Protein backbone atom coordinates (compact mmCIF):
# COMPACT_ATOMS: atom_id res chain seq x y z
CA MET A 1 21.83 9.33 11.81
CA ASN A 2 17.82 9.76 12.22
CA ARG A 3 16.15 8.73 9.01
CA PHE A 4 12.58 9.25 10.53
CA HIS A 5 11.16 12.80 9.52
CA GLU A 6 9.36 15.03 11.84
CA GLY A 7 6.15 13.34 11.30
CA GLU A 8 6.99 10.11 11.83
CA ARG A 9 9.16 11.15 15.15
CA ALA A 10 5.65 12.85 16.82
CA VAL A 11 3.76 9.70 16.18
CA GLN A 12 6.69 7.64 17.85
CA SER A 13 6.67 9.85 20.59
CA ARG A 14 3.28 9.57 21.29
CA SER A 15 2.89 5.95 21.00
CA GLY A 16 5.69 5.72 23.69
CA VAL A 17 8.12 3.75 21.01
CA THR A 18 11.14 6.64 19.92
CA ASP A 19 13.97 4.30 21.53
CA GLU A 20 12.51 1.00 19.34
CA ALA A 21 11.69 2.98 16.05
CA GLY A 22 15.37 4.17 16.52
CA ARG A 23 17.25 0.56 16.72
CA LEU A 24 14.86 -0.66 14.24
CA GLY A 25 15.65 2.46 11.76
CA ARG A 26 19.20 1.35 11.37
CA GLY A 27 17.61 -1.53 9.15
CA ILE A 28 16.56 1.17 6.42
CA THR A 29 18.85 1.84 3.48
CA SER A 30 19.14 3.28 0.32
CA THR A 31 20.09 0.42 -1.74
CA ILE A 32 18.45 -2.80 -2.26
CA PRO A 33 20.46 -5.62 -0.68
CA GLU A 34 21.78 -8.44 -2.85
CA ALA A 35 20.39 -11.02 -0.83
CA ALA A 36 16.59 -9.24 -1.54
CA ARG A 37 17.25 -9.64 -5.48
CA PRO A 38 15.85 -13.34 -5.97
CA PHE A 39 13.20 -12.23 -3.67
CA LEU A 40 12.24 -9.59 -5.92
CA GLU A 41 12.19 -12.07 -9.34
CA SER A 42 10.13 -14.26 -8.17
CA GLN A 43 6.90 -11.77 -7.07
CA ARG A 44 4.40 -11.28 -9.55
CA ILE A 45 2.44 -8.05 -7.06
CA ALA A 46 3.60 -4.29 -6.78
CA VAL A 47 1.78 -1.85 -4.88
CA LEU A 48 2.70 1.44 -6.13
CA ALA A 49 2.36 4.93 -4.15
CA GLY A 50 2.42 8.37 -6.15
CA VAL A 51 1.12 12.02 -6.32
CA ASP A 52 -0.93 12.80 -9.48
CA GLY A 53 -1.04 16.29 -10.70
CA SER A 54 -3.61 17.88 -8.51
CA GLY A 55 -1.52 16.79 -5.67
CA ARG A 56 -4.08 13.91 -4.53
CA VAL A 57 -2.46 10.25 -3.13
CA TRP A 58 -3.19 7.54 -5.21
CA ALA A 59 -2.27 3.62 -4.42
CA SER A 60 -2.03 1.34 -7.89
CA LEU A 61 -1.81 -2.26 -8.29
CA VAL A 62 0.82 -3.89 -10.77
CA THR A 63 0.99 -7.49 -11.64
CA GLY A 64 2.88 -10.08 -14.03
CA ALA A 65 4.54 -13.31 -14.42
CA PRO A 66 7.80 -13.82 -12.54
CA GLY A 67 10.44 -11.48 -13.45
CA LEU A 68 8.15 -8.76 -13.66
CA ILE A 69 10.37 -7.14 -10.40
CA THR A 70 13.99 -6.70 -10.80
CA ALA A 71 17.11 -4.59 -9.45
CA PRO A 72 19.62 -4.22 -12.29
CA SER A 73 21.73 -2.32 -10.09
CA ALA A 74 21.62 -1.65 -6.01
CA ARG A 75 19.93 1.96 -6.68
CA THR A 76 17.45 0.51 -9.08
CA LEU A 77 13.80 -1.11 -9.07
CA ARG A 78 12.30 -2.21 -12.56
CA LEU A 79 9.12 -3.16 -13.08
CA ALA A 80 8.60 -4.61 -16.62
CA ALA A 81 4.74 -3.22 -16.64
CA GLY A 82 3.16 0.48 -16.74
CA LEU A 83 0.24 1.54 -15.48
CA PRO A 84 -2.92 1.66 -17.85
CA ASP A 85 -4.17 5.32 -18.92
CA ALA A 86 -7.35 5.16 -17.19
CA ASP A 87 -5.26 3.90 -13.36
CA PRO A 88 -5.37 7.82 -11.69
CA LEU A 89 -1.73 7.66 -10.97
CA SER A 90 -0.42 7.31 -14.60
CA GLU A 91 -0.12 10.66 -14.75
CA GLY A 92 1.80 10.97 -11.70
CA LEU A 93 5.00 8.63 -13.34
CA ALA A 94 6.48 11.52 -15.04
CA ARG A 95 10.61 11.42 -14.20
CA GLY A 96 11.52 12.74 -11.18
CA ARG A 97 8.36 12.15 -9.06
CA PRO A 98 8.55 10.34 -5.57
CA LEU A 99 7.39 6.57 -6.04
CA GLY A 100 6.94 4.16 -3.49
CA VAL A 101 6.51 0.60 -4.38
CA LEU A 102 5.83 -2.15 -1.93
CA VAL A 103 6.58 -6.03 -3.45
CA ILE A 104 3.96 -8.68 -1.41
CA ASP A 105 4.07 -12.32 -1.39
CA PRO A 106 1.00 -13.66 0.15
CA GLU A 107 1.82 -17.17 -0.01
CA ARG A 108 5.05 -16.66 2.29
CA ARG A 109 3.72 -13.36 4.16
CA ARG A 110 6.84 -11.62 3.32
CA ARG A 111 7.45 -8.07 2.22
CA LEU A 112 9.53 -5.19 0.78
CA ARG A 113 9.32 -1.60 0.62
CA VAL A 114 11.27 0.50 -1.56
CA ASN A 115 10.21 4.03 -1.67
CA GLY A 116 12.41 6.82 -4.11
CA ARG A 117 12.01 8.85 -7.25
CA VAL A 118 10.68 8.03 -10.57
CA VAL A 119 13.77 7.61 -13.71
CA ARG A 120 11.38 6.23 -16.63
CA ALA A 121 7.74 5.35 -16.85
CA ASP A 122 5.88 4.38 -19.85
CA HIS A 123 3.35 1.38 -20.62
CA ASP A 124 6.08 -1.13 -20.98
CA ALA A 125 8.01 -0.18 -17.78
CA ILE A 126 8.91 1.86 -14.86
CA GLU A 127 11.92 2.49 -12.87
CA ILE A 128 12.98 4.03 -9.86
CA ARG A 129 15.81 5.49 -8.02
CA ALA A 130 15.83 3.94 -4.62
CA ALA A 131 16.30 6.21 -1.32
CA GLU A 132 14.79 4.01 1.37
CA VAL A 133 14.70 -0.06 1.36
CA PHE A 134 13.62 -1.87 4.07
CA GLY A 135 11.26 -5.39 5.10
CA ASN A 136 8.30 -5.63 7.09
CA CYS A 137 7.33 -8.30 9.36
CA PRO A 138 4.50 -10.85 8.54
CA LYS A 139 1.79 -9.32 10.13
CA TYR A 140 -1.89 -9.23 8.86
CA ILE A 141 -0.85 -10.93 5.64
CA GLN A 142 -3.62 -13.13 4.75
CA ALA A 143 -2.05 -16.22 3.40
CA ARG A 144 -3.18 -16.82 -0.53
CA ALA A 145 -1.57 -19.63 -2.78
CA LEU A 146 -0.61 -19.00 -6.13
CA GLU A 147 -2.38 -21.06 -8.42
CA PRO A 148 -0.55 -23.27 -11.23
CA ASP A 149 -0.05 -21.74 -14.25
CA ALA A 150 -2.22 -18.64 -13.25
CA GLU A 151 -2.54 -16.11 -15.56
CA PRO A 152 -4.03 -12.53 -14.21
CA GLY A 153 -7.19 -11.77 -15.51
CA GLY A 154 -7.00 -8.53 -17.96
CA VAL A 155 -8.26 -4.86 -16.99
CA GLY A 156 -11.87 -3.60 -18.03
CA VAL A 157 -14.05 -0.67 -17.96
CA ALA A 158 -12.73 1.84 -15.60
CA ARG A 159 -15.53 4.20 -13.60
CA ARG A 160 -15.16 7.41 -11.29
CA HIS A 161 -16.97 8.00 -8.87
CA ALA A 162 -17.54 11.04 -6.14
CA THR A 163 -19.43 8.93 -3.20
CA LEU A 164 -19.42 4.72 -2.67
CA THR A 165 -22.08 2.97 -4.50
CA GLU A 166 -23.87 0.26 -2.65
CA PRO A 167 -21.80 -2.68 -3.93
CA GLN A 168 -18.36 -0.56 -3.34
CA ARG A 169 -19.40 -0.10 -0.22
CA LEU A 170 -20.06 -4.20 0.47
CA ALA A 171 -16.69 -4.87 -1.17
CA ILE A 172 -14.67 -2.79 1.22
CA GLU A 173 -17.06 -4.50 4.18
CA ARG A 174 -15.96 -8.08 2.48
CA ALA A 175 -12.05 -7.04 2.22
CA ASP A 176 -9.36 -8.48 4.34
CA THR A 177 -6.77 -6.55 2.83
CA LEU A 178 -6.15 -2.89 2.36
CA PHE A 179 -2.86 -0.87 1.12
CA ILE A 180 -2.57 2.65 1.75
CA ALA A 181 -0.43 5.11 0.19
CA SER A 182 1.12 8.30 1.75
CA ALA A 183 3.79 10.95 0.96
CA HIS A 184 5.44 13.18 2.80
CA ALA A 185 7.03 16.58 0.97
CA ASP A 186 10.74 16.09 1.24
CA ALA A 187 11.02 11.87 2.14
CA GLY A 188 8.83 11.14 -0.72
CA ALA A 189 5.63 8.65 -1.40
CA ASP A 190 5.32 5.44 0.60
CA ALA A 191 3.29 1.81 0.17
CA SER A 192 2.00 -0.06 2.82
CA HIS A 193 -0.12 -2.90 3.80
CA ARG A 194 -3.28 -3.29 6.13
CA GLY A 195 -4.81 -6.41 6.83
CA GLY A 196 -7.53 -7.77 9.44
CA GLN A 197 -10.12 -10.17 8.92
CA PRO A 198 -13.39 -9.02 7.19
CA GLY A 199 -14.67 -6.21 8.23
CA PHE A 200 -12.06 -4.82 9.62
CA VAL A 201 -12.12 -1.59 7.73
CA ARG A 202 -15.54 0.20 8.96
CA VAL A 203 -17.57 1.83 6.23
CA LEU A 204 -19.41 4.93 8.04
CA ASP A 205 -21.14 6.39 5.07
CA GLU A 206 -20.92 7.22 1.34
CA ARG A 207 -17.62 9.12 1.74
CA ARG A 208 -15.95 8.18 5.41
CA LEU A 209 -14.26 4.92 6.04
CA LEU A 210 -12.27 4.01 9.64
CA ILE A 211 -9.35 1.94 9.51
CA PRO A 212 -7.86 -0.07 12.78
CA ASP A 213 -4.08 0.22 13.19
CA TYR A 214 -2.79 -2.71 15.00
CA SER A 215 0.34 -3.05 16.55
CA GLY A 216 2.93 -3.14 13.84
CA ASN A 217 6.70 -2.21 13.46
CA ASN A 218 6.46 1.01 15.42
CA MET A 219 8.34 2.73 12.48
CA PHE A 220 5.09 4.69 11.51
CA GLN A 221 5.97 5.52 8.08
CA THR A 222 2.24 5.66 7.25
CA LEU A 223 0.67 7.79 10.22
CA GLY A 224 4.28 9.65 10.11
CA ASN A 225 3.22 10.78 6.91
CA ILE A 226 -0.56 11.73 7.61
CA ALA A 227 0.85 13.67 10.71
CA THR A 228 2.35 16.02 8.02
CA ASP A 229 0.06 15.56 5.08
CA PRO A 230 -3.70 14.23 5.26
CA GLN A 231 -3.73 13.10 1.46
CA VAL A 232 -3.97 9.35 1.26
CA GLY A 233 -4.60 6.59 -1.64
CA LEU A 234 -6.61 3.66 -0.79
CA LEU A 235 -6.34 0.16 -2.58
CA PHE A 236 -9.15 -2.52 -2.22
CA VAL A 237 -8.18 -5.65 -4.89
CA ASP A 238 -10.85 -8.26 -5.23
CA PHE A 239 -8.44 -11.43 -5.66
CA ASP A 240 -11.29 -13.45 -7.50
CA THR A 241 -11.84 -10.79 -10.63
CA THR A 242 -8.83 -8.46 -10.35
CA THR A 243 -11.04 -5.33 -10.15
CA THR A 244 -9.47 -2.83 -8.06
CA LEU A 245 -11.14 -0.08 -6.19
CA GLN A 246 -8.68 3.46 -5.61
CA LEU A 247 -9.91 5.78 -3.37
CA THR A 248 -8.00 8.98 -2.73
CA GLY A 249 -8.82 11.34 0.25
CA ARG A 250 -7.77 12.88 3.06
CA ALA A 251 -6.86 11.04 6.46
CA ARG A 252 -6.61 12.01 10.69
CA ILE A 253 -5.26 10.03 13.46
CA LEU A 254 -7.90 9.23 15.80
CA TRP A 255 -6.14 8.32 19.51
CA GLU A 256 -9.32 8.84 21.73
CA PRO A 257 -10.14 5.66 23.50
CA GLU A 258 -13.57 6.15 22.84
CA ALA A 259 -13.27 6.12 19.37
CA LEU A 260 -11.39 2.78 19.48
CA ALA A 261 -13.74 1.14 21.58
CA PRO A 262 -15.39 -0.57 18.78
CA LEU A 263 -12.20 -1.55 17.21
CA LYS A 264 -10.95 -4.68 18.50
CA GLY A 265 -7.19 -4.66 18.55
CA ALA A 266 -6.41 -1.30 17.58
CA GLU A 267 -4.27 1.34 18.66
CA ARG A 268 -4.86 4.06 17.13
CA ALA A 269 -7.32 4.49 13.82
CA VAL A 270 -7.34 6.33 10.94
CA ALA A 271 -10.23 8.27 9.79
CA VAL A 272 -10.58 8.74 5.91
CA GLU A 273 -12.58 11.48 3.90
CA VAL A 274 -12.76 9.95 0.51
CA ASP A 275 -12.65 12.89 -2.27
CA GLU A 276 -12.91 10.34 -5.35
CA ILE A 277 -13.41 6.87 -6.28
CA VAL A 278 -11.88 4.86 -9.31
CA GLU A 279 -13.00 1.31 -10.20
CA ILE A 280 -11.69 -0.57 -12.51
CA GLU A 281 -13.26 -3.97 -13.47
CA GLY A 282 -11.00 -6.88 -14.06
CA ARG A 283 -11.45 -9.48 -16.40
CA GLY A 284 -10.83 -12.75 -14.73
CA PRO A 285 -8.89 -13.97 -11.43
CA LEU A 286 -5.90 -12.57 -10.21
CA GLY A 287 -4.37 -16.17 -9.68
CA TRP A 288 -4.21 -16.24 -6.19
CA ARG A 289 -6.26 -18.93 -3.85
CA PHE A 290 -7.20 -17.93 -0.45
CA VAL A 291 -5.72 -20.22 2.28
CA GLU A 292 -5.73 -18.75 5.78
CA TYR A 293 -6.67 -15.74 7.65
CA SER A 294 -3.09 -14.17 9.30
CA PRO A 295 -2.88 -15.65 13.16
CA PHE A 296 -2.07 -11.80 14.40
CA ASN A 297 -5.55 -10.41 13.11
CA PRO A 298 -7.78 -9.49 15.61
CA ARG A 299 -10.80 -11.84 16.01
């Protein structure tokens, strides 16, 4: 059984990794392994990927204390928290809508992706029925240690923009971590992680970004989705203030050597044209102290 859709297969073929992807694809299941439950129950951060009522794709952040994320059954993932009304994805959490969840442990550089459909969503909890479950390698995750007795900061004012402000551009240029949401008409939504040295995401102007694509797991869920649907959502998180910067727009994959030349270590790149920005001000630190950059980051 081939677990990849036509976009993923096309990118795998162009990258020359069809056979390897096929082997890795056997690790994608429709159930949450029993062995993954202790990992999920100890985590504090989840990134959501979904589609709003206008068809725009967004990535959103959910945080909390251990116990925030559980698997009540092999096909159910539950988050004991909702999204604030100001979050642009909040209207996209209706029952039956596609939703991707990335659970990430910055301290141990571990991550698990669970993609499926919304079963329930309100201010208190979000539940999805899993369709795809798979892990990823630790590459490009910057190590961050949880501060003792850390309590995540609250949510403040939300501001919407059509173009990036100068402080927002500077925040992106300082970022070492990015989360990207993408979607496929049949396969649903997916949330993924990208990381690198500060400045790895290039801000070309007030509406255009360039994101390098480094060597990864070669399954190409994100790029495969982009190959069929250019809508993407980007999420930048300020770990010191909990401020989030959410961008939605349209992406295209760059393969040309001349486009990749300025991006050290990039095998491909993703060019993003931004349509809308939502900045939600944080109130206090997220509770994670920076330790070190990933040894896989191109220097």
